[in-house]
Amino acid sequence: MLVDWERVRDLRDEIGEDGFNDVVALFLEESDTVIDRITTGDTASDAELHFLRGAALNLGFADLADICRNGANLATVARLYADSKAAFMAET
């Protein structure tokens, strides 16, 4: 599951629409930066993967969180992030 929509609804309900929009903007900005480093340098630190996993869990990017936990190759991480982001943006 690319996006856990129940988690998205829960987060929106917990922090309200304005807070949700702020969290989404910050998550995407910081995650884009990490993904850019991964795709241009072909390396990722444990801290970067940990950040992506935590942020993905918080925002409901379920498959991305799983793949970061399981240490998949970085091309897969980048692809799952792009796919999850696209699905999320199409629905929110």
Protein backbone atom coordinates (compact mmCIF):
# COMPACT_ATOMS: atom_id res chain seq x y z
CA MET A 1 0.00 0.00 0.00
CA LEU A 2 1.64 3.22 -1.11
CA VAL A 3 -0.38 5.48 1.17
CA ASP A 4 -2.19 4.50 4.35
CA TRP A 5 -5.16 6.82 3.94
CA GLU A 6 -6.48 6.02 7.42
CA ARG A 7 -3.21 7.37 8.87
CA VAL A 8 -3.56 10.49 6.70
CA ARG A 9 -7.12 11.07 7.98
CA ASP A 10 -6.04 10.46 11.58
CA LEU A 11 -3.16 12.94 11.29
CA ARG A 12 -5.42 15.56 9.72
CA ASP A 13 -7.98 15.04 12.50
CA GLU A 14 -5.30 15.21 15.21
CA ILE A 15 -3.66 18.46 14.13
CA GLY A 16 -6.30 20.18 12.02
CA GLU A 17 -6.21 21.27 8.40
CA ASP A 18 -3.70 24.12 8.84
CA GLY A 19 -1.32 22.02 10.91
CA PHE A 20 -1.68 19.16 8.46
CA ASN A 21 -0.77 21.38 5.52
CA ASP A 22 2.29 22.64 7.41
CA VAL A 23 3.41 19.09 8.26
CA VAL A 24 2.95 17.95 4.66
CA ALA A 25 4.94 20.91 3.30
CA LEU A 26 7.78 20.34 5.76
CA PHE A 27 7.83 16.57 5.15
CA LEU A 28 7.94 16.97 1.38
CA GLU A 29 10.61 19.68 1.51
CA GLU A 30 12.91 17.70 3.80
CA SER A 31 12.24 14.39 2.07
CA ASP A 32 12.88 15.88 -1.37
CA THR A 33 16.27 17.04 -0.10
CA VAL A 34 17.17 13.56 1.17
CA ILE A 35 15.92 11.88 -2.01
CA ASP A 36 17.93 14.34 -4.13
CA ARG A 37 21.08 13.40 -2.19
CA ILE A 38 20.31 9.72 -2.59
CA THR A 39 19.70 9.94 -6.32
CA THR A 40 22.71 12.12 -7.07
CA GLY A 41 25.19 10.45 -4.76
CA ASP A 42 23.94 6.87 -4.61
CA THR A 43 24.52 6.79 -0.86
CA ALA A 44 22.35 7.31 2.17
CA SER A 45 23.34 7.39 5.76
CA ASP A 46 21.50 5.38 8.36
CA ALA A 47 20.26 8.69 9.76
CA GLU A 48 18.77 9.71 6.39
CA LEU A 49 16.98 6.39 6.01
CA HIS A 50 15.81 6.62 9.61
CA PHE A 51 14.46 10.14 8.94
CA LEU A 52 12.65 8.98 5.78
CA ARG A 53 11.19 6.00 7.60
CA GLY A 54 9.91 8.09 10.50
CA ALA A 55 8.50 10.82 8.28
CA ALA A 56 6.90 8.25 5.98
CA LEU A 57 5.26 6.49 8.93
CA ASN A 58 3.95 9.80 10.25
CA LEU A 59 2.42 10.80 6.93
CA GLY A 60 1.19 7.35 5.92
CA PHE A 61 3.70 6.46 3.19
CA ALA A 62 3.52 2.82 4.27
CA ASP A 63 5.56 1.07 1.57
CA LEU A 64 8.31 3.68 1.78
CA ALA A 65 8.55 3.22 5.54
CA ASP A 66 8.80 -0.54 5.14
CA ILE A 67 11.48 -0.37 2.47
CA CYS A 68 13.58 2.08 4.52
CA ARG A 69 13.38 -0.26 7.49
CA ASN A 70 14.41 -3.25 5.42
CA GLY A 71 17.41 -1.60 3.76
CA ALA A 72 16.34 -1.81 0.12
CA ASN A 73 18.50 -0.40 -2.61
CA LEU A 74 18.40 3.35 -2.99
CA ALA A 75 16.83 3.33 -6.44
CA THR A 76 13.85 1.49 -4.94
CA VAL A 77 13.66 4.01 -2.09
CA ALA A 78 13.65 6.91 -4.55
CA ARG A 79 11.04 5.26 -6.78
CA LEU A 80 8.73 4.47 -3.86
CA TYR A 81 9.03 8.01 -2.59
CA ALA A 82 8.12 9.43 -6.01
CA ASP A 83 5.20 7.01 -6.42
CA SER A 84 3.91 7.65 -2.89
CA LYS A 85 4.23 11.40 -3.28
CA ALA A 86 2.36 11.34 -6.59
CA ALA A 87 -0.48 9.21 -5.13
CA PHE A 88 -0.67 11.44 -2.07
CA MET A 89 -0.71 14.69 -4.04
CA ALA A 90 -3.39 13.35 -6.39
CA GLU A 91 -5.74 12.70 -3.46
CA THR A 92 -5.08 15.62 -1.11
